[in-house]
């Protein structure tokens, strides 16, 4: 009998609306991070685990089904923001998530079971986190690389060794492995005409003039 009571008390602590509310919000935060920055799977597993426990809390407590109307648009709005970069879509997504996740748990003698103080506190934490994560990750994904290795094509340099099939050249402040179809002597000016991995394909500059001299 005592074992049954202890088990019941543990179950109640797991499905407490306040705890379930925190798990639901935390699961959404981790899920956003996992969707925008897929990686090792740790974040994904954490998000799924939190949402499963939060979902168990939802089905184990009285709920306000209309609250799902606020939660469902969250991910679509995040994806819309990701595509068109309008901040109000992200702001609306965060507001709807906080309203829906708070309102979904119905109290026995009141409309909402979750403590209003907890709801306010959780909102103050998750709103800036979601805002920061989504905006920074989106900016990082869409940012054009500052260094484009293909920009070296067309630049001038100097042969540091005799070039037959392979050799070394100095271009754009760095030494590179290089190849040339014709023989180029060390010290000659060269131009980069292509790039294969970390090797440059080069040609001699003003070869015809140099050969005449």
N, C-alpha and C. Protein backbone atom coordinates (compact mmCIF):
# COMPACT_ATOMS: atom_id res chain seq x y z
N UNK A 1 0.84 -1.21 0.00
CA UNK A 1 0.00 0.00 0.00
C UNK A 1 0.86 1.24 0.00
N UNK A 2 1.93 1.22 0.84
CA UNK A 2 2.83 2.37 0.92
C UNK A 2 3.53 2.58 -0.41
N UNK A 3 3.94 1.46 -1.07
CA UNK A 3 4.60 1.56 -2.36
C UNK A 3 3.69 2.20 -3.39
N UNK A 4 2.42 1.85 -3.35
CA UNK A 4 1.46 2.42 -4.29
C UNK A 4 1.31 3.92 -4.08
N UNK A 5 1.28 4.35 -2.80
CA UNK A 5 1.16 5.79 -2.49
C UNK A 5 2.40 6.54 -2.97
N UNK A 6 3.60 5.96 -2.71
CA UNK A 6 4.84 6.60 -3.15
C UNK A 6 4.88 6.74 -4.65
N UNK A 7 4.45 5.69 -5.35
CA UNK A 7 4.43 5.73 -6.81
C UNK A 7 3.47 6.80 -7.30
N UNK A 8 2.33 6.93 -6.64
CA UNK A 8 1.35 7.94 -7.03
C UNK A 8 1.90 9.34 -6.81
N UNK A 9 2.62 9.54 -5.71
CA UNK A 9 3.20 10.85 -5.43
C UNK A 9 4.25 11.22 -6.47
N UNK A 10 5.06 10.22 -6.90
CA UNK A 10 6.05 10.48 -7.92
C UNK A 10 5.39 10.85 -9.24
N UNK A 11 4.31 10.18 -9.58
CA UNK A 11 3.61 10.48 -10.82
C UNK A 11 3.04 11.89 -10.79
N UNK A 12 2.49 12.28 -9.64
CA UNK A 12 1.93 13.63 -9.52
C UNK A 12 3.01 14.67 -9.71
N UNK A 13 4.23 14.42 -9.15
CA UNK A 13 5.31 15.40 -9.29
C UNK A 13 5.76 15.51 -10.74
N UNK A 14 5.68 14.41 -11.48
CA UNK A 14 6.11 14.44 -12.88
C UNK A 14 5.11 15.21 -13.73
N UNK A 15 3.83 15.06 -13.47
CA UNK A 15 2.82 15.68 -14.32
C UNK A 15 2.29 16.99 -13.74
N UNK A 16 2.97 17.54 -12.75
CA UNK A 16 2.56 18.83 -12.21
C UNK A 16 2.51 19.86 -13.34
N UNK A 17 1.44 20.62 -13.47
CA UNK A 17 1.29 21.57 -14.57
C UNK A 17 2.44 22.57 -14.68
N UNK A 18 2.95 23.04 -13.55
CA UNK A 18 4.04 24.02 -13.59
C UNK A 18 5.31 23.41 -14.20
N UNK A 19 5.61 22.17 -13.80
CA UNK A 19 6.78 21.49 -14.35
C UNK A 19 6.57 21.17 -15.82
N UNK A 20 5.38 20.69 -16.14
CA UNK A 20 5.08 20.35 -17.53
C UNK A 20 5.16 21.59 -18.41
N UNK A 21 4.71 22.72 -17.89
CA UNK A 21 4.77 23.98 -18.63
C UNK A 21 6.22 24.35 -18.96
N UNK A 22 7.10 24.24 -17.97
CA UNK A 22 8.51 24.55 -18.18
C UNK A 22 9.12 23.60 -19.21
N UNK A 23 8.76 22.31 -19.13
CA UNK A 23 9.28 21.33 -20.07
C UNK A 23 8.81 21.61 -21.50
N UNK A 24 7.56 22.00 -21.64
CA UNK A 24 7.02 22.30 -22.97
C UNK A 24 7.77 23.48 -23.59
N UNK A 25 7.92 24.55 -22.83
CA UNK A 25 8.61 25.73 -23.35
C UNK A 25 10.07 25.40 -23.66
N UNK A 26 10.74 24.69 -22.72
CA UNK A 26 12.12 24.29 -22.96
C UNK A 26 12.27 23.41 -24.17
N UNK A 27 11.31 22.52 -24.38
CA UNK A 27 11.35 21.65 -25.55
C UNK A 27 11.24 22.43 -26.84
N UNK A 28 10.40 23.46 -26.86
CA UNK A 28 10.26 24.30 -28.05
C UNK A 28 11.54 25.08 -28.32
N UNK A 29 12.16 25.60 -27.27
CA UNK A 29 13.41 26.35 -27.43
C UNK A 29 14.49 25.45 -28.02
N UNK A 30 14.65 24.26 -27.47
CA UNK A 30 15.66 23.32 -27.97
C UNK A 30 15.33 22.86 -29.38
N UNK A 31 14.06 22.71 -29.68
CA UNK A 31 13.65 22.27 -31.02
C UNK A 31 13.99 23.32 -32.06
N UNK A 32 13.79 24.59 -31.72
CA UNK A 32 14.15 25.67 -32.64
C UNK A 32 15.64 25.63 -32.95
N UNK A 33 16.43 25.48 -31.90
CA UNK A 33 17.87 25.41 -32.08
C UNK A 33 18.26 24.20 -32.93
N UNK A 34 17.60 23.08 -32.70
CA UNK A 34 17.91 21.86 -33.46
C UNK A 34 17.54 22.00 -34.93
N UNK A 35 16.42 22.66 -35.21
CA UNK A 35 15.97 22.82 -36.60
C UNK A 35 16.91 23.75 -37.36
N UNK A 36 17.32 24.84 -36.72
CA UNK A 36 18.14 25.84 -37.40
C UNK A 36 19.60 25.42 -37.49
N UNK A 37 20.08 24.66 -36.49
CA UNK A 37 21.48 24.25 -36.49
C UNK A 37 21.59 22.75 -36.21
N UNK A 38 21.21 21.90 -37.15
CA UNK A 38 21.33 20.47 -36.93
C UNK A 38 22.77 20.09 -36.69
N UNK A 39 22.99 19.25 -35.68
CA UNK A 39 24.37 18.92 -35.33
C UNK A 39 24.54 17.50 -34.86
N UNK A 40 25.09 17.34 -33.66
CA UNK A 40 25.44 16.02 -33.14
C UNK A 40 24.23 15.20 -32.71
N UNK A 41 23.10 15.84 -32.51
CA UNK A 41 21.91 15.13 -32.06
C UNK A 41 21.61 15.33 -30.59
N UNK A 42 22.54 15.93 -29.84
CA UNK A 42 22.33 16.13 -28.40
C UNK A 42 21.18 17.10 -28.17
N UNK A 43 21.18 18.22 -28.91
CA UNK A 43 20.11 19.21 -28.76
C UNK A 43 18.78 18.61 -29.20
N UNK A 44 18.81 17.86 -30.31
CA UNK A 44 17.59 17.23 -30.81
C UNK A 44 16.99 16.28 -29.77
N UNK A 45 17.86 15.46 -29.18
CA UNK A 45 17.39 14.50 -28.16
C UNK A 45 16.83 15.24 -26.95
N UNK A 46 17.54 16.30 -26.52
CA UNK A 46 17.06 17.09 -25.39
C UNK A 46 15.71 17.71 -25.66
N UNK A 47 15.52 18.24 -26.87
CA UNK A 47 14.24 18.84 -27.23
C UNK A 47 13.12 17.83 -27.25
N UNK A 48 13.39 16.66 -27.85
CA UNK A 48 12.36 15.62 -27.91
C UNK A 48 12.01 15.13 -26.51
N UNK A 49 13.03 14.93 -25.68
CA UNK A 49 12.81 14.44 -24.32
C UNK A 49 11.94 15.42 -23.53
N UNK A 50 12.25 16.72 -23.64
CA UNK A 50 11.48 17.73 -22.92
C UNK A 50 10.05 17.79 -23.43
N UNK A 51 9.87 17.72 -24.75
CA UNK A 51 8.52 17.78 -25.32
C UNK A 51 7.70 16.55 -24.96
N UNK A 52 8.34 15.39 -24.91
CA UNK A 52 7.63 14.16 -24.54
C UNK A 52 7.13 14.25 -23.10
N UNK A 53 8.02 14.66 -22.19
CA UNK A 53 7.60 14.80 -20.79
C UNK A 53 6.55 15.89 -20.64
N UNK A 54 6.75 17.01 -21.37
CA UNK A 54 5.74 18.06 -21.32
C UNK A 54 4.41 17.60 -21.88
N UNK A 55 4.48 16.82 -22.97
CA UNK A 55 3.25 16.28 -23.56
C UNK A 55 2.55 15.32 -22.63
N UNK A 56 3.36 14.54 -21.89
CA UNK A 56 2.77 13.64 -20.90
C UNK A 56 2.05 14.44 -19.82
N UNK A 57 2.65 15.58 -19.46
CA UNK A 57 1.99 16.44 -18.48
C UNK A 57 0.70 17.03 -19.03
N UNK A 58 0.68 17.32 -20.33
CA UNK A 58 -0.54 17.88 -20.94
C UNK A 58 -1.68 16.87 -20.92
N UNK A 59 -1.38 15.63 -21.33
CA UNK A 59 -2.46 14.64 -21.39
C UNK A 59 -2.85 14.12 -20.01
N UNK A 60 -2.02 14.40 -19.01
CA UNK A 60 -2.31 13.92 -17.65
C UNK A 60 -3.00 14.98 -16.80
N UNK A 61 -3.24 16.14 -17.38
CA UNK A 61 -3.89 17.22 -16.65
C UNK A 61 -5.05 17.77 -17.45
N UNK A 62 -6.00 18.41 -16.77
CA UNK A 62 -7.07 19.10 -17.51
C UNK A 62 -6.46 20.16 -18.42
N UNK A 63 -6.97 20.27 -19.64
CA UNK A 63 -6.38 21.20 -20.60
C UNK A 63 -7.43 22.10 -21.20
N UNK A 64 -6.96 23.26 -21.66
CA UNK A 64 -7.76 24.17 -22.47
C UNK A 64 -7.37 23.92 -23.92
N UNK A 65 -8.18 23.16 -24.64
CA UNK A 65 -7.82 22.77 -26.00
C UNK A 65 -7.66 23.97 -26.93
N UNK A 66 -8.37 25.05 -26.65
CA UNK A 66 -8.26 26.22 -27.52
C UNK A 66 -6.86 26.82 -27.50
N UNK A 67 -6.07 26.50 -26.47
CA UNK A 67 -4.71 27.05 -26.37
C UNK A 67 -3.81 26.54 -27.50
N UNK A 68 -4.15 25.37 -28.06
CA UNK A 68 -3.34 24.85 -29.16
C UNK A 68 -3.37 25.77 -30.38
N UNK A 69 -4.42 26.57 -30.49
CA UNK A 69 -4.52 27.52 -31.61
C UNK A 69 -3.33 28.49 -31.58
N UNK A 70 -2.86 28.80 -30.38
CA UNK A 70 -1.73 29.72 -30.23
C UNK A 70 -0.39 29.00 -30.46
N UNK A 71 -0.31 27.73 -30.09
CA UNK A 71 0.96 27.01 -30.17
C UNK A 71 1.28 26.54 -31.58
N UNK A 72 0.27 26.06 -32.30
CA UNK A 72 0.49 25.45 -33.61
C UNK A 72 1.23 26.36 -34.59
N UNK A 73 0.93 27.67 -34.64
CA UNK A 73 1.61 28.53 -35.65
C UNK A 73 3.07 28.82 -35.32
N UNK A 74 3.58 28.38 -34.17
CA UNK A 74 4.92 28.78 -33.75
C UNK A 74 5.99 28.43 -34.79
N UNK A 75 6.12 27.15 -35.12
CA UNK A 75 7.16 26.74 -36.06
C UNK A 75 6.95 27.31 -37.47
N UNK A 76 5.71 27.32 -38.00
CA UNK A 76 5.52 27.97 -39.31
C UNK A 76 5.97 29.43 -39.32
N UNK A 77 5.69 30.16 -38.24
CA UNK A 77 6.10 31.56 -38.19
C UNK A 77 7.62 31.69 -38.13
N UNK A 78 8.29 30.78 -37.42
CA UNK A 78 9.76 30.79 -37.37
C UNK A 78 10.32 30.56 -38.77
N UNK A 79 9.74 29.62 -39.50
CA UNK A 79 10.21 29.33 -40.86
C UNK A 79 9.93 30.50 -41.80
N UNK A 80 8.79 31.17 -41.60
CA UNK A 80 8.49 32.35 -42.42
C UNK A 80 9.51 33.44 -42.15
N UNK A 81 9.83 33.64 -40.86
CA UNK A 81 10.85 34.64 -40.52
C UNK A 81 12.18 34.27 -41.14
N UNK A 82 12.51 32.99 -41.09
CA UNK A 82 13.78 32.52 -41.66
C UNK A 82 13.87 32.86 -43.14
N UNK A 83 12.72 32.89 -43.82
CA UNK A 83 12.73 33.11 -45.26
C UNK A 83 12.70 34.58 -45.63
N UNK A 84 11.86 35.39 -44.94
CA UNK A 84 11.68 36.77 -45.38
C UNK A 84 12.27 37.80 -44.43
N UNK A 85 12.78 37.36 -43.26
CA UNK A 85 13.53 38.23 -42.34
C UNK A 85 12.71 39.42 -41.81
N UNK A 86 11.45 39.24 -41.55
CA UNK A 86 10.63 40.30 -40.95
C UNK A 86 10.50 40.03 -39.46
N UNK A 87 10.99 40.97 -38.64
CA UNK A 87 11.06 40.74 -37.19
C UNK A 87 9.70 40.50 -36.55
N UNK A 88 8.64 41.08 -37.12
CA UNK A 88 7.34 40.92 -36.46
C UNK A 88 6.84 39.48 -36.52
N UNK A 89 7.27 38.71 -37.51
CA UNK A 89 6.90 37.29 -37.53
C UNK A 89 7.54 36.54 -36.37
N UNK A 90 8.78 36.86 -36.07
CA UNK A 90 9.47 36.24 -34.95
C UNK A 90 8.85 36.68 -33.63
N UNK A 91 8.50 37.96 -33.51
CA UNK A 91 7.89 38.47 -32.28
C UNK A 91 6.53 37.81 -32.05
N UNK A 92 5.73 37.68 -33.11
CA UNK A 92 4.41 37.05 -32.99
C UNK A 92 4.56 35.58 -32.58
N UNK A 93 5.54 34.89 -33.17
CA UNK A 93 5.78 33.48 -32.82
C UNK A 93 6.09 33.32 -31.34
N UNK A 94 6.94 34.18 -30.82
CA UNK A 94 7.31 34.10 -29.40
C UNK A 94 6.12 34.40 -28.50
N UNK A 95 5.35 35.41 -28.86
CA UNK A 95 4.17 35.78 -28.06
C UNK A 95 3.15 34.64 -28.04
N UNK A 96 2.88 34.08 -29.22
CA UNK A 96 1.89 33.00 -29.30
C UNK A 96 2.34 31.77 -28.53
N UNK A 97 3.63 31.45 -28.59
CA UNK A 97 4.15 30.29 -27.86
C UNK A 97 3.94 30.48 -26.36
N UNK A 98 4.25 31.65 -25.85
CA UNK A 98 4.12 31.89 -24.42
C UNK A 98 2.66 31.91 -23.97
N UNK A 99 1.79 32.48 -24.78
CA UNK A 99 0.37 32.48 -24.44
C UNK A 99 -0.19 31.06 -24.44
N UNK A 100 0.10 30.34 -25.53
CA UNK A 100 -0.46 29.00 -25.68
C UNK A 100 0.05 28.02 -24.65
N UNK A 101 1.37 28.02 -24.41
CA UNK A 101 1.93 27.07 -23.46
C UNK A 101 1.48 27.36 -22.03
N UNK A 102 1.25 28.62 -21.71
CA UNK A 102 0.76 28.96 -20.37
C UNK A 102 -0.72 28.60 -20.22
N UNK A 103 -1.49 28.87 -21.27
CA UNK A 103 -2.94 28.72 -21.18
C UNK A 103 -3.40 27.28 -21.32
N UNK A 104 -2.54 26.39 -21.80
CA UNK A 104 -2.99 25.03 -22.11
C UNK A 104 -3.36 24.23 -20.87
N UNK A 105 -2.77 24.57 -19.72
CA UNK A 105 -3.05 23.81 -18.49
C UNK A 105 -4.19 24.48 -17.73
N UNK A 106 -5.30 23.74 -17.60
CA UNK A 106 -6.49 24.28 -16.94
C UNK A 106 -6.53 23.82 -15.49
N UNK A 107 -6.79 24.78 -14.60
CA UNK A 107 -6.88 24.46 -13.19
C UNK A 107 -8.23 23.84 -12.84
N UNK A 108 -8.29 23.21 -11.69
CA UNK A 108 -9.54 22.59 -11.26
C UNK A 108 -10.59 23.63 -10.92
N UNK A 109 -10.16 24.69 -10.25
CA UNK A 109 -11.11 25.73 -9.84
C UNK A 109 -10.81 27.08 -10.49
N UNK A 110 -9.93 27.09 -11.48
CA UNK A 110 -9.59 28.34 -12.16
C UNK A 110 -9.23 28.03 -13.60
N UNK A 111 -9.17 29.07 -14.40
CA UNK A 111 -8.96 28.87 -15.83
C UNK A 111 -7.57 28.33 -16.14
N UNK A 112 -6.54 28.85 -15.45
CA UNK A 112 -5.17 28.44 -15.72
C UNK A 112 -4.54 27.81 -14.48
N UNK A 113 -3.86 26.66 -14.68
CA UNK A 113 -3.27 25.95 -13.57
C UNK A 113 -1.86 26.43 -13.24
N UNK A 114 -1.16 26.98 -14.24
CA UNK A 114 0.23 27.39 -14.04
C UNK A 114 0.28 28.71 -13.28
N UNK A 115 1.22 28.80 -12.37
CA UNK A 115 1.41 30.03 -11.60
C UNK A 115 1.71 31.20 -12.53
N UNK A 116 1.03 32.30 -12.33
CA UNK A 116 1.24 33.48 -13.17
C UNK A 116 2.65 34.03 -13.00
N UNK A 117 3.20 33.89 -11.81
CA UNK A 117 4.57 34.36 -11.57
C UNK A 117 5.57 33.50 -12.33
N UNK A 118 5.34 32.17 -12.35
CA UNK A 118 6.21 31.28 -13.11
C UNK A 118 6.09 31.58 -14.60
N UNK A 119 4.88 31.80 -15.06
CA UNK A 119 4.67 32.11 -16.47
C UNK A 119 5.41 33.37 -16.89
N UNK A 120 5.34 34.40 -16.04
CA UNK A 120 6.03 35.66 -16.33
C UNK A 120 7.55 35.44 -16.33
N UNK A 121 8.03 34.68 -15.37
CA UNK A 121 9.47 34.42 -15.25
C UNK A 121 9.98 33.63 -16.45
N UNK A 122 9.25 32.58 -16.83
CA UNK A 122 9.66 31.76 -17.97
C UNK A 122 9.64 32.57 -19.25
N UNK A 123 8.66 33.45 -19.39
CA UNK A 123 8.60 34.28 -20.58
C UNK A 123 9.80 35.22 -20.66
N UNK A 124 10.19 35.80 -19.52
CA UNK A 124 11.34 36.70 -19.50
C UNK A 124 12.63 35.99 -19.90
N UNK A 125 12.67 34.67 -19.66
CA UNK A 125 13.87 33.90 -20.00
C UNK A 125 13.82 33.42 -21.45
N UNK A 126 12.70 32.79 -21.84
CA UNK A 126 12.68 32.16 -23.16
C UNK A 126 12.56 33.14 -24.32
N UNK A 127 11.87 34.27 -24.10
CA UNK A 127 11.66 35.22 -25.20
C UNK A 127 12.98 35.76 -25.75
N UNK A 128 13.87 36.30 -24.91
CA UNK A 128 15.15 36.79 -25.47
C UNK A 128 16.04 35.67 -26.00
N UNK A 129 15.94 34.47 -25.40
CA UNK A 129 16.75 33.35 -25.89
C UNK A 129 16.32 32.96 -27.30
N UNK A 130 15.01 32.80 -27.50
CA UNK A 130 14.52 32.45 -28.84
C UNK A 130 14.86 33.55 -29.84
N UNK A 131 14.64 34.80 -29.42
CA UNK A 131 14.93 35.94 -30.31
C UNK A 131 16.41 35.92 -30.72
N UNK A 132 17.29 35.76 -29.75
CA UNK A 132 18.73 35.78 -30.02
C UNK A 132 19.14 34.60 -30.89
N UNK A 133 18.67 33.39 -30.55
CA UNK A 133 19.05 32.20 -31.29
C UNK A 133 18.61 32.30 -32.74
N UNK A 134 17.34 32.61 -32.95
CA UNK A 134 16.80 32.62 -34.32
C UNK A 134 17.48 33.69 -35.16
N UNK A 135 17.64 34.90 -34.61
CA UNK A 135 18.23 35.99 -35.39
C UNK A 135 19.70 35.72 -35.68
N UNK A 136 20.46 35.31 -34.68
CA UNK A 136 21.88 35.09 -34.88
C UNK A 136 22.15 33.92 -35.82
N UNK A 137 21.43 32.83 -35.63
CA UNK A 137 21.63 31.67 -36.49
C UNK A 137 21.23 32.00 -37.92
N UNK A 138 20.12 32.71 -38.10
CA UNK A 138 19.69 33.09 -39.44
C UNK A 138 20.72 33.99 -40.11
N UNK A 139 21.25 34.96 -39.37
CA UNK A 139 22.27 35.85 -39.92
C UNK A 139 23.52 35.06 -40.29
N UNK A 140 23.91 34.12 -39.44
CA UNK A 140 25.12 33.33 -39.71
C UNK A 140 24.95 32.44 -40.94
N UNK A 141 23.76 31.85 -41.10
CA UNK A 141 23.50 30.98 -42.24
C UNK A 141 23.51 31.76 -43.54
N UNK A 142 22.91 32.96 -43.52
CA UNK A 142 22.75 33.73 -44.74
C UNK A 142 23.94 34.63 -45.06
N UNK A 143 24.87 34.76 -44.13
CA UNK A 143 25.99 35.68 -44.33
C UNK A 143 26.91 35.17 -45.43
N UNK A 144 27.28 36.08 -46.35
CA UNK A 144 28.23 35.74 -47.40
C UNK A 144 29.62 35.64 -46.79
N UNK A 145 30.35 34.60 -47.07
CA UNK A 145 31.69 34.46 -46.50
C UNK A 145 32.57 35.67 -46.83
N UNK A 146 33.30 36.15 -45.79
CA UNK A 146 34.20 37.28 -46.01
C UNK A 146 35.34 36.90 -46.94
N UNK A 147 35.77 35.64 -46.88
CA UNK A 147 36.86 35.19 -47.73
C UNK A 147 36.34 34.19 -48.74
N UNK A 148 36.49 34.53 -49.99
CA UNK A 148 36.11 33.63 -51.07
C UNK A 148 37.39 33.17 -51.77
N UNK A 149 37.76 31.89 -51.59
CA UNK A 149 39.03 31.43 -52.16
C UNK A 149 39.12 31.57 -53.67
N UNK A 150 37.97 31.65 -54.35
CA UNK A 150 38.01 31.79 -55.80
C UNK A 150 38.36 33.21 -56.24
N UNK A 151 38.38 34.16 -55.28
CA UNK A 151 38.75 35.53 -55.64
C UNK A 151 40.21 35.65 -56.05
N UNK A 152 40.99 34.62 -55.76
CA UNK A 152 42.42 34.69 -56.09
C UNK A 152 42.66 34.53 -57.59
N UNK A 153 41.68 33.99 -58.31
CA UNK A 153 41.81 33.81 -59.75
C UNK A 153 41.94 35.19 -60.42
N UNK A 154 42.94 35.32 -61.26
CA UNK A 154 43.20 36.58 -61.95
C UNK A 154 44.24 37.44 -61.28
N UNK A 155 44.60 37.10 -60.06
CA UNK A 155 45.59 37.92 -59.35
C UNK A 155 47.01 37.60 -59.82
N UNK A 156 47.89 38.62 -59.65
CA UNK A 156 49.27 38.51 -60.08
C UNK A 156 50.14 38.06 -58.91
N UNK A 157 51.26 37.42 -59.23
CA UNK A 157 52.19 37.00 -58.22
C UNK A 157 53.56 36.75 -58.80
N UNK A 158 54.35 35.98 -58.09
CA UNK A 158 55.71 35.70 -58.52
C UNK A 158 56.05 34.24 -58.29
N UNK A 159 56.76 33.65 -59.22
CA UNK A 159 57.21 32.27 -59.07
C UNK A 159 58.33 32.23 -58.05
N UNK A 160 58.20 31.42 -57.05
CA UNK A 160 59.22 31.30 -56.02
C UNK A 160 60.21 30.16 -56.35
N UNK A 161 59.81 29.29 -57.23
CA UNK A 161 60.69 28.20 -57.69
C UNK A 161 60.45 28.01 -59.18
N UNK A 162 61.34 27.29 -59.81
CA UNK A 162 61.12 26.98 -61.22
C UNK A 162 59.88 26.12 -61.36
N UNK A 163 59.03 26.50 -62.27
CA UNK A 163 57.78 25.77 -62.48
C UNK A 163 57.86 25.00 -63.78
N UNK A 164 57.70 23.70 -63.70
CA UNK A 164 57.54 22.88 -64.88
C UNK A 164 56.12 22.35 -64.81
N UNK A 165 55.98 21.22 -64.16
CA UNK A 165 54.63 20.73 -63.87
C UNK A 165 54.15 21.24 -62.53
N UNK A 166 55.07 21.37 -61.58
CA UNK A 166 54.71 21.82 -60.25
C UNK A 166 55.79 22.74 -59.71
N UNK A 167 55.39 23.55 -58.71
CA UNK A 167 56.34 24.45 -58.07
C UNK A 167 55.64 25.28 -57.02
N UNK A 168 56.25 26.41 -56.67
CA UNK A 168 55.70 27.29 -55.64
C UNK A 168 55.64 28.71 -56.16
N UNK A 169 54.54 29.39 -55.85
CA UNK A 169 54.37 30.79 -56.23
C UNK A 169 53.94 31.60 -55.02
N UNK A 170 54.14 32.90 -55.11
CA UNK A 170 53.74 33.81 -54.03
C UNK A 170 52.65 34.72 -54.59
N UNK A 171 51.44 34.58 -54.04
CA UNK A 171 50.29 35.35 -54.54
C UNK A 171 49.46 35.83 -53.36
N UNK A 172 49.07 37.10 -53.38
CA UNK A 172 48.15 37.66 -52.40
C UNK A 172 48.65 37.45 -50.96
N UNK A 173 49.96 37.61 -50.77
CA UNK A 173 50.52 37.53 -49.43
C UNK A 173 50.76 36.14 -48.92
N UNK A 174 50.59 35.11 -49.76
CA UNK A 174 50.78 33.73 -49.31
C UNK A 174 51.54 32.93 -50.36
N UNK A 175 52.20 31.88 -49.89
CA UNK A 175 52.83 30.94 -50.81
C UNK A 175 51.86 29.81 -51.13
N UNK A 176 51.80 29.45 -52.41
CA UNK A 176 50.89 28.42 -52.87
C UNK A 176 51.65 27.38 -53.69
N UNK A 177 51.15 26.16 -53.64
CA UNK A 177 51.59 25.17 -54.61
C UNK A 177 50.95 25.53 -55.94
N UNK A 178 51.72 25.36 -57.01
CA UNK A 178 51.21 25.80 -58.31
C UNK A 178 51.65 24.85 -59.42
N UNK A 179 50.89 24.89 -60.51
CA UNK A 179 51.21 24.12 -61.70
C UNK A 179 51.12 25.05 -62.91
N UNK A 180 51.89 24.72 -63.94
CA UNK A 180 51.87 25.50 -65.16
C UNK A 180 52.07 24.57 -66.35
N UNK A 181 51.43 24.89 -67.46
CA UNK A 181 51.60 24.08 -68.67
C UNK A 181 52.95 24.34 -69.33
N UNK A 182 53.50 25.54 -69.12
CA UNK A 182 54.81 25.87 -69.66
C UNK A 182 55.80 26.07 -68.52
N UNK A 183 57.06 25.99 -68.84
CA UNK A 183 58.09 26.19 -67.84
C UNK A 183 58.19 27.66 -67.49
N UNK A 184 58.22 27.94 -66.18
CA UNK A 184 58.34 29.30 -65.68
C UNK A 184 59.51 29.33 -64.71
N UNK A 185 60.42 30.27 -64.91
CA UNK A 185 61.59 30.36 -64.06
C UNK A 185 61.27 31.10 -62.77
N UNK A 186 62.01 30.77 -61.72
CA UNK A 186 61.84 31.46 -60.44
C UNK A 186 62.07 32.95 -60.61
N UNK A 187 61.22 33.76 -59.98
CA UNK A 187 61.34 35.21 -60.06
C UNK A 187 60.47 35.84 -61.13
N UNK A 188 59.90 35.03 -62.02
CA UNK A 188 59.05 35.57 -63.08
C UNK A 188 57.67 35.93 -62.53
N UNK A 189 57.07 36.95 -63.13
CA UNK A 189 55.73 37.34 -62.76
C UNK A 189 54.73 36.34 -63.33
N UNK A 190 53.75 35.99 -62.52
CA UNK A 190 52.74 35.02 -62.97
C UNK A 190 51.34 35.56 -62.70
N UNK A 191 50.37 34.92 -63.37
CA UNK A 191 48.95 35.25 -63.16
C UNK A 191 48.21 33.95 -62.87
N UNK A 192 47.31 33.99 -61.91
CA UNK A 192 46.50 32.81 -61.57
C UNK A 192 45.36 32.70 -62.56
N UNK A 193 45.24 31.54 -63.20
CA UNK A 193 44.18 31.36 -64.18
C UNK A 193 43.11 30.38 -63.72
N UNK A 194 43.41 29.58 -62.69
CA UNK A 194 42.42 28.63 -62.17
C UNK A 194 42.90 28.12 -60.81
N UNK A 195 42.04 27.39 -60.15
CA UNK A 195 42.37 26.86 -58.82
C UNK A 195 41.79 25.46 -58.70
N UNK A 196 42.63 24.52 -58.33
CA UNK A 196 42.20 23.14 -58.11
C UNK A 196 42.53 22.75 -56.68
N UNK A 197 41.54 22.80 -55.80
CA UNK A 197 41.79 22.53 -54.39
C UNK A 197 42.71 23.59 -53.83
N UNK A 198 43.88 23.17 -53.33
CA UNK A 198 44.86 24.10 -52.77
C UNK A 198 45.99 24.38 -53.75
N UNK A 199 45.83 23.98 -54.98
CA UNK A 199 46.86 24.21 -55.99
C UNK A 199 46.37 25.21 -57.03
N UNK A 200 47.25 26.17 -57.37
CA UNK A 200 46.90 27.18 -58.35
C UNK A 200 47.43 26.78 -59.72
N UNK A 201 46.66 27.06 -60.75
CA UNK A 201 47.12 26.93 -62.13
C UNK A 201 47.52 28.33 -62.59
N UNK A 202 48.75 28.47 -63.04
CA UNK A 202 49.27 29.81 -63.35
C UNK A 202 49.85 29.85 -64.76
N UNK A 203 50.03 31.07 -65.24
CA UNK A 203 50.71 31.31 -66.49
C UNK A 203 51.66 32.47 -66.30
N UNK A 204 52.68 32.52 -67.13
CA UNK A 204 53.64 33.60 -67.02
C UNK A 204 53.06 34.87 -67.61
N UNK A 205 53.30 36.00 -66.97
CA UNK A 205 52.83 37.29 -67.45
C UNK A 205 53.81 37.83 -68.48
N UNK A 206 53.27 38.32 -69.63
CA UNK A 206 54.10 38.91 -70.68
C UNK A 206 55.19 37.96 -71.13
N UNK A 207 54.83 36.69 -71.29
CA UNK A 207 55.82 35.69 -71.67
C UNK A 207 56.44 36.01 -73.03
N UNK A 208 55.58 36.44 -73.95
CA UNK A 208 56.09 36.72 -75.27
C UNK A 208 57.10 37.86 -75.24
N UNK A 209 56.83 38.86 -74.39
CA UNK A 209 57.75 39.99 -74.26
C UNK A 209 59.04 39.53 -73.62
N UNK A 210 58.95 38.72 -72.57
CA UNK A 210 60.13 38.24 -71.88
C UNK A 210 60.99 37.37 -72.79
N UNK A 211 60.34 36.55 -73.63
CA UNK A 211 61.09 35.65 -74.50
C UNK A 211 61.86 36.43 -75.55
N UNK A 212 61.28 37.56 -76.02
CA UNK A 212 61.94 38.38 -77.00
C UNK A 212 63.18 39.05 -76.40
N UNK A 213 63.04 39.48 -75.12
CA UNK A 213 64.15 40.11 -74.46
C UNK A 213 65.25 39.09 -74.19
